[in-house]
C-alpha cells in the first residue's frame, strides 16, 4: 500500500487521492479496528470462562479431599475413643489415678 506524503493527499509515487477515497479507507480501517476489538473481547470472555471452569474444578477437588480427610479424622477419633473406654473398663483404678494426676498437673500449670 502506498502511504501518503506528509500533509498532502499524494502518495509517495505522486498519484493524487481524493478526499472521498481517503474517507473510504478511513472507514474501512475503523471497521477493521472494531472487528479486532470484538475478537479480542470474545477471546477474553472465552479465556475467562475457561479460568472459572478450572477454578471451580479445583475447588471441587479440594472440597472432596477435605471431606475425605475429615472423615478419616473422625474414624481415628472413634477408634481412640473406643480404646480409651476399653482401657478404663479393664483398669478402672489406674485410669482414675491417671485422670487425677493429669488434673493436678493442669491445675499447677493454670496457677502460673
N, C-alpha and C. Protein backbone atom coordinates (compact mmCIF):
# COMPACT_ATOMS: atom_id res chain seq x y z
N UNK A 1 0.84 -1.17 0.00
CA UNK A 1 0.00 0.00 0.00
C UNK A 1 0.89 1.23 0.00
N UNK A 2 0.54 2.18 -0.81
CA UNK A 2 1.33 3.42 -0.87
C UNK A 2 0.88 4.32 0.25
N UNK A 3 1.84 4.96 0.92
CA UNK A 3 1.49 5.85 2.03
C UNK A 3 1.49 7.28 1.54
N UNK A 4 0.57 8.10 2.04
CA UNK A 4 0.53 9.48 1.59
C UNK A 4 1.71 10.26 2.14
N UNK A 5 2.16 11.22 1.40
CA UNK A 5 3.22 12.10 1.87
C UNK A 5 2.65 13.00 2.95
N UNK A 6 3.49 13.45 3.85
CA UNK A 6 3.03 14.23 4.99
C UNK A 6 2.32 15.49 4.54
N UNK A 7 1.05 15.68 5.01
CA UNK A 7 0.31 16.91 4.80
C UNK A 7 -0.34 17.06 3.44
N UNK A 8 -0.20 16.08 2.54
CA UNK A 8 -0.83 16.22 1.22
C UNK A 8 -1.68 15.01 0.95
N UNK A 9 -2.46 15.09 -0.07
CA UNK A 9 -3.27 13.97 -0.49
C UNK A 9 -2.57 13.14 -1.53
N UNK A 10 -1.25 13.23 -1.62
CA UNK A 10 -0.49 12.48 -2.63
C UNK A 10 0.18 11.28 -1.97
N UNK A 11 0.35 10.22 -2.72
CA UNK A 11 1.10 9.07 -2.25
C UNK A 11 2.56 9.29 -2.61
N UNK A 12 3.40 8.38 -2.19
CA UNK A 12 4.84 8.54 -2.44
C UNK A 12 5.16 8.48 -3.94
N UNK A 13 4.37 7.78 -4.70
CA UNK A 13 4.67 7.69 -6.13
C UNK A 13 4.05 8.85 -6.92
N UNK A 14 3.43 9.81 -6.21
CA UNK A 14 2.98 11.02 -6.87
C UNK A 14 1.53 11.02 -7.31
N UNK A 15 0.80 9.92 -7.18
CA UNK A 15 -0.61 9.92 -7.57
C UNK A 15 -1.43 10.64 -6.51
N UNK A 16 -2.45 11.29 -6.96
CA UNK A 16 -3.27 12.09 -6.05
C UNK A 16 -4.52 11.30 -5.70
N UNK A 17 -4.92 11.35 -4.38
CA UNK A 17 -6.14 10.68 -3.94
C UNK A 17 -7.17 11.73 -3.59
N UNK A 18 -8.40 11.38 -3.81
CA UNK A 18 -9.46 12.31 -3.47
C UNK A 18 -9.83 12.16 -2.01
N UNK A 19 -10.49 13.15 -1.46
CA UNK A 19 -10.92 13.12 -0.06
C UNK A 19 -11.89 11.96 0.16
N UNK A 20 -12.72 11.69 -0.82
CA UNK A 20 -13.69 10.60 -0.69
C UNK A 20 -12.98 9.26 -0.58
N UNK A 21 -11.92 9.07 -1.36
CA UNK A 21 -11.16 7.82 -1.29
C UNK A 21 -10.50 7.67 0.08
N UNK A 22 -9.93 8.77 0.55
CA UNK A 22 -9.28 8.73 1.87
C UNK A 22 -10.30 8.44 2.97
N UNK A 23 -11.46 9.06 2.89
CA UNK A 23 -12.51 8.81 3.88
C UNK A 23 -12.98 7.36 3.82
N UNK A 24 -13.07 6.82 2.63
CA UNK A 24 -13.47 5.42 2.47
C UNK A 24 -12.45 4.50 3.13
N UNK A 25 -11.17 4.80 2.91
CA UNK A 25 -10.13 3.99 3.53
C UNK A 25 -10.17 4.11 5.06
N UNK A 26 -10.42 5.31 5.55
CA UNK A 26 -10.52 5.51 7.00
C UNK A 26 -11.69 4.70 7.56
N UNK A 27 -12.81 4.68 6.86
CA UNK A 27 -13.97 3.90 7.31
C UNK A 27 -13.65 2.41 7.31
N UNK A 28 -12.93 1.95 6.31
CA UNK A 28 -12.52 0.54 6.25
C UNK A 28 -11.63 0.21 7.44
N UNK A 29 -10.68 1.10 7.72
CA UNK A 29 -9.78 0.89 8.86
C UNK A 29 -10.56 0.88 10.18
N UNK A 30 -11.51 1.79 10.32
CA UNK A 30 -12.34 1.82 11.53
C UNK A 30 -13.11 0.52 11.70
N UNK A 31 -13.66 0.03 10.60
CA UNK A 31 -14.41 -1.23 10.66
C UNK A 31 -13.49 -2.39 11.06
N UNK A 32 -12.28 -2.41 10.51
CA UNK A 32 -11.33 -3.47 10.85
C UNK A 32 -10.90 -3.38 12.31
N UNK A 33 -10.69 -2.17 12.81
CA UNK A 33 -10.32 -1.99 14.22
C UNK A 33 -11.47 -2.44 15.12
N UNK A 34 -12.70 -2.11 14.74
CA UNK A 34 -13.87 -2.54 15.53
C UNK A 34 -13.98 -4.06 15.54
N UNK A 35 -13.71 -4.67 14.38
CA UNK A 35 -13.77 -6.14 14.30
C UNK A 35 -12.70 -6.76 15.19
N UNK A 36 -11.49 -6.20 15.18
CA UNK A 36 -10.42 -6.70 16.04
C UNK A 36 -10.77 -6.54 17.52
N UNK A 37 -11.38 -5.41 17.88
CA UNK A 37 -11.78 -5.20 19.26
C UNK A 37 -12.82 -6.24 19.69
N UNK A 38 -13.77 -6.53 18.79
CA UNK A 38 -14.77 -7.56 19.09
C UNK A 38 -14.12 -8.93 19.27
N UNK A 39 -13.16 -9.24 18.41
CA UNK A 39 -12.47 -10.53 18.52
C UNK A 39 -11.69 -10.63 19.82
N UNK A 40 -11.03 -9.53 20.22
CA UNK A 40 -10.30 -9.53 21.48
C UNK A 40 -11.25 -9.72 22.66
N UNK A 41 -12.38 -9.05 22.61
CA UNK A 41 -13.35 -9.18 23.70
C UNK A 41 -13.88 -10.60 23.78
N UNK A 42 -14.20 -11.18 22.63
CA UNK A 42 -14.68 -12.56 22.58
C UNK A 42 -13.62 -13.52 23.11
N UNK A 43 -12.38 -13.29 22.72
CA UNK A 43 -11.28 -14.14 23.17
C UNK A 43 -11.10 -14.04 24.68
N UNK A 44 -11.20 -12.83 25.22
CA UNK A 44 -11.03 -12.69 26.67
C UNK A 44 -12.18 -13.33 27.43
N UNK A 45 -13.40 -13.27 26.88
CA UNK A 45 -14.54 -13.92 27.53
C UNK A 45 -14.36 -15.43 27.56
N UNK A 46 -13.86 -15.98 26.46
CA UNK A 46 -13.62 -17.43 26.41
C UNK A 46 -12.55 -17.81 27.42
N UNK A 47 -11.48 -17.02 27.49
CA UNK A 47 -10.42 -17.30 28.46
C UNK A 47 -10.95 -17.20 29.89
N UNK A 48 -11.78 -16.21 30.16
CA UNK A 48 -12.34 -16.03 31.49
C UNK A 48 -13.21 -17.23 31.86
N UNK A 49 -14.02 -17.68 30.93
CA UNK A 49 -14.86 -18.85 31.20
C UNK A 49 -14.01 -20.08 31.49
N UNK A 50 -12.94 -20.26 30.73
CA UNK A 50 -12.06 -21.41 30.94
C UNK A 50 -11.39 -21.33 32.31
N UNK A 51 -10.96 -20.13 32.71
CA UNK A 51 -10.33 -19.97 34.03
C UNK A 51 -11.34 -20.24 35.15
N UNK A 52 -12.57 -19.76 34.98
CA UNK A 52 -13.60 -20.01 36.00
C UNK A 52 -13.89 -21.50 36.12
N UNK A 53 -13.96 -22.17 34.98
CA UNK A 53 -14.22 -23.61 34.99
C UNK A 53 -13.09 -24.36 35.69
N UNK A 54 -11.85 -23.98 35.41
CA UNK A 54 -10.70 -24.63 36.05
C UNK A 54 -10.68 -24.36 37.54
N UNK A 55 -11.01 -23.14 37.94
CA UNK A 55 -11.05 -22.80 39.36
C UNK A 55 -12.14 -23.58 40.07
N UNK A 56 -13.30 -23.71 39.44
CA UNK A 56 -14.40 -24.46 40.04
C UNK A 56 -14.02 -25.93 40.21
N UNK A 57 -13.33 -26.48 39.21
CA UNK A 57 -12.89 -27.87 39.31
C UNK A 57 -11.89 -28.03 40.45
N UNK A 58 -10.99 -27.07 40.60
CA UNK A 58 -10.02 -27.12 41.70
C UNK A 58 -10.70 -27.03 43.05
N UNK A 59 -11.71 -26.18 43.16
CA UNK A 59 -12.45 -26.04 44.42
C UNK A 59 -13.16 -27.34 44.75
N UNK A 60 -13.78 -27.94 43.75
CA UNK A 60 -14.48 -29.22 43.98
C UNK A 60 -13.51 -30.30 44.42
N UNK A 61 -12.34 -30.34 43.81
CA UNK A 61 -11.34 -31.34 44.17
C UNK A 61 -10.86 -31.12 45.61
N UNK A 62 -10.57 -29.87 45.96
CA UNK A 62 -10.13 -29.58 47.32
C UNK A 62 -11.22 -29.89 48.34
N UNK A 63 -12.45 -29.61 47.98
CA UNK A 63 -13.57 -29.89 48.89
C UNK A 63 -13.68 -31.39 49.14
N UNK A 64 -13.58 -32.19 48.08
CA UNK A 64 -13.68 -33.63 48.27
C UNK A 64 -12.49 -34.17 49.07
N UNK A 65 -11.29 -33.61 48.85
CA UNK A 65 -10.13 -34.04 49.64
C UNK A 65 -10.31 -33.66 51.10
N UNK A 66 -10.85 -32.47 51.36
CA UNK A 66 -11.09 -32.03 52.74
C UNK A 66 -12.11 -32.91 53.43
N UNK A 67 -13.18 -33.25 52.71
CA UNK A 67 -14.20 -34.13 53.29
C UNK A 67 -13.62 -35.51 53.60
N UNK A 68 -12.77 -36.03 52.72
CA UNK A 68 -12.15 -37.34 52.95
C UNK A 68 -11.24 -37.28 54.17
N UNK A 69 -10.46 -36.20 54.30
CA UNK A 69 -9.58 -36.05 55.46
C UNK A 69 -10.40 -35.94 56.75
N UNK A 70 -11.49 -35.20 56.69
CA UNK A 70 -12.36 -35.04 57.86
C UNK A 70 -12.94 -36.39 58.29
N UNK A 71 -13.39 -37.17 57.33
CA UNK A 71 -13.94 -38.49 57.65
C UNK A 71 -12.86 -39.40 58.23
N UNK A 72 -11.66 -39.30 57.71
CA UNK A 72 -10.54 -40.10 58.25
C UNK A 72 -10.24 -39.72 59.69
N UNK A 73 -10.24 -38.42 59.99
CA UNK A 73 -10.01 -37.97 61.36
C UNK A 73 -11.13 -38.41 62.29
N UNK A 74 -12.35 -38.35 61.81
CA UNK A 74 -13.48 -38.80 62.65
C UNK A 74 -13.36 -40.28 62.97
N UNK A 75 -12.95 -41.07 61.96
CA UNK A 75 -12.79 -42.50 62.19
C UNK A 75 -11.67 -42.76 63.21
N UNK A 76 -10.57 -42.03 63.10
CA UNK A 76 -9.47 -42.18 64.06
C UNK A 76 -9.92 -41.79 65.46
N UNK A 77 -10.69 -40.71 65.57
CA UNK A 77 -11.17 -40.27 66.89
C UNK A 77 -12.09 -41.33 67.50
N UNK A 78 -12.93 -41.93 66.68
CA UNK A 78 -13.81 -43.00 67.19
C UNK A 78 -13.00 -44.20 67.68
N UNK A 79 -11.94 -44.54 66.93
CA UNK A 79 -11.08 -45.66 67.34
C UNK A 79 -10.40 -45.36 68.67
N UNK A 80 -9.85 -44.15 68.80
CA UNK A 80 -9.17 -43.78 70.05
C UNK A 80 -10.16 -43.76 71.21
N UNK A 81 -11.35 -43.25 70.95
CA UNK A 81 -12.38 -43.22 72.00
C UNK A 81 -12.71 -44.65 72.47
N UNK A 82 -12.83 -45.55 71.50
CA UNK A 82 -13.11 -46.94 71.85
C UNK A 82 -11.98 -47.56 72.66
N UNK A 83 -10.74 -47.25 72.30
CA UNK A 83 -9.59 -47.77 73.04
C UNK A 83 -9.56 -47.22 74.46
N UNK A 84 -9.89 -45.92 74.63
CA UNK A 84 -9.90 -45.32 75.97
C UNK A 84 -10.98 -45.98 76.82
N UNK A 85 -12.18 -46.16 76.26
CA UNK A 85 -13.25 -46.81 77.02
C UNK A 85 -12.86 -48.22 77.43
N UNK A 86 -12.21 -48.95 76.51
CA UNK A 86 -11.79 -50.32 76.82
C UNK A 86 -10.74 -50.32 77.93
N UNK A 87 -9.78 -49.38 77.86
CA UNK A 87 -8.75 -49.31 78.90
C UNK A 87 -9.35 -48.96 80.25
N UNK A 88 -10.32 -48.05 80.28
CA UNK A 88 -10.97 -47.67 81.55
C UNK A 88 -11.73 -48.85 82.13
N UNK A 89 -12.39 -49.63 81.29
CA UNK A 89 -13.14 -50.79 81.78
C UNK A 89 -12.20 -51.87 82.32
N UNK A 90 -11.04 -52.04 81.65
CA UNK A 90 -10.10 -53.07 82.09
C UNK A 90 -9.40 -52.69 83.40
N UNK A 91 -9.01 -51.43 83.51
CA UNK A 91 -8.24 -50.99 84.69
C UNK A 91 -8.83 -49.68 85.22
N UNK A 92 -9.94 -49.74 85.93
CA UNK A 92 -10.59 -48.51 86.40
C UNK A 92 -9.75 -47.76 87.43
N UNK A 93 -9.06 -48.43 88.32
CA UNK A 93 -8.28 -47.75 89.35
C UNK A 93 -7.11 -47.01 88.73
N UNK A 94 -6.41 -47.64 87.79
CA UNK A 94 -5.29 -46.99 87.11
C UNK A 94 -5.78 -45.78 86.32
N UNK A 95 -6.91 -45.92 85.65
CA UNK A 95 -7.48 -44.81 84.88
C UNK A 95 -7.83 -43.64 85.78
N UNK A 96 -8.40 -43.93 86.95
CA UNK A 96 -8.74 -42.87 87.90
C UNK A 96 -7.48 -42.16 88.40
N UNK A 97 -6.43 -42.91 88.69
CA UNK A 97 -5.17 -42.31 89.15
C UNK A 97 -4.55 -41.44 88.06
N UNK A 98 -4.58 -41.90 86.82
CA UNK A 98 -4.03 -41.11 85.71
C UNK A 98 -4.84 -39.83 85.53
N UNK A 99 -6.16 -39.92 85.61
CA UNK A 99 -7.01 -38.73 85.46
C UNK A 99 -6.73 -37.72 86.57
N UNK A 100 -6.54 -38.20 87.79
CA UNK A 100 -6.25 -37.31 88.91
C UNK A 100 -4.90 -36.63 88.72
N UNK A 101 -3.90 -37.38 88.26
CA UNK A 101 -2.58 -36.81 88.03
C UNK A 101 -2.62 -35.75 86.92
N UNK A 102 -3.33 -36.01 85.86
CA UNK A 102 -3.45 -35.04 84.77
C UNK A 102 -4.16 -33.79 85.27
N UNK A 103 -5.22 -33.96 86.06
CA UNK A 103 -5.93 -32.81 86.61
C UNK A 103 -5.04 -31.98 87.52
N UNK A 104 -4.23 -32.66 88.33
CA UNK A 104 -3.31 -31.97 89.23
C UNK A 104 -2.29 -31.16 88.43
N UNK A 105 -1.71 -31.76 87.37
CA UNK A 105 -0.73 -31.06 86.54
C UNK A 105 -1.36 -29.85 85.82
N UNK A 106 -2.57 -30.01 85.35
CA UNK A 106 -3.26 -28.89 84.69
C UNK A 106 -3.53 -27.76 85.68
N UNK A 107 -3.87 -28.12 86.91
CA UNK A 107 -4.11 -27.09 87.94
C UNK A 107 -2.82 -26.34 88.26
N UNK A 108 -1.69 -27.07 88.33
CA UNK A 108 -0.41 -26.40 88.56
C UNK A 108 -0.05 -25.45 87.43
N UNK A 109 -0.29 -25.87 86.20
CA UNK A 109 0.04 -25.02 85.04
C UNK A 109 -0.90 -23.83 84.98
N UNK A 110 -2.15 -23.99 85.40
CA UNK A 110 -3.10 -22.90 85.36
C UNK A 110 -2.76 -21.82 86.40
N UNK A 111 -2.14 -22.21 87.49
CA UNK A 111 -1.75 -21.25 88.53
C UNK A 111 -0.68 -20.29 88.02
N UNK A 112 0.18 -20.74 87.18
CA UNK A 112 1.31 -19.93 86.69
C UNK A 112 0.81 -18.98 85.72
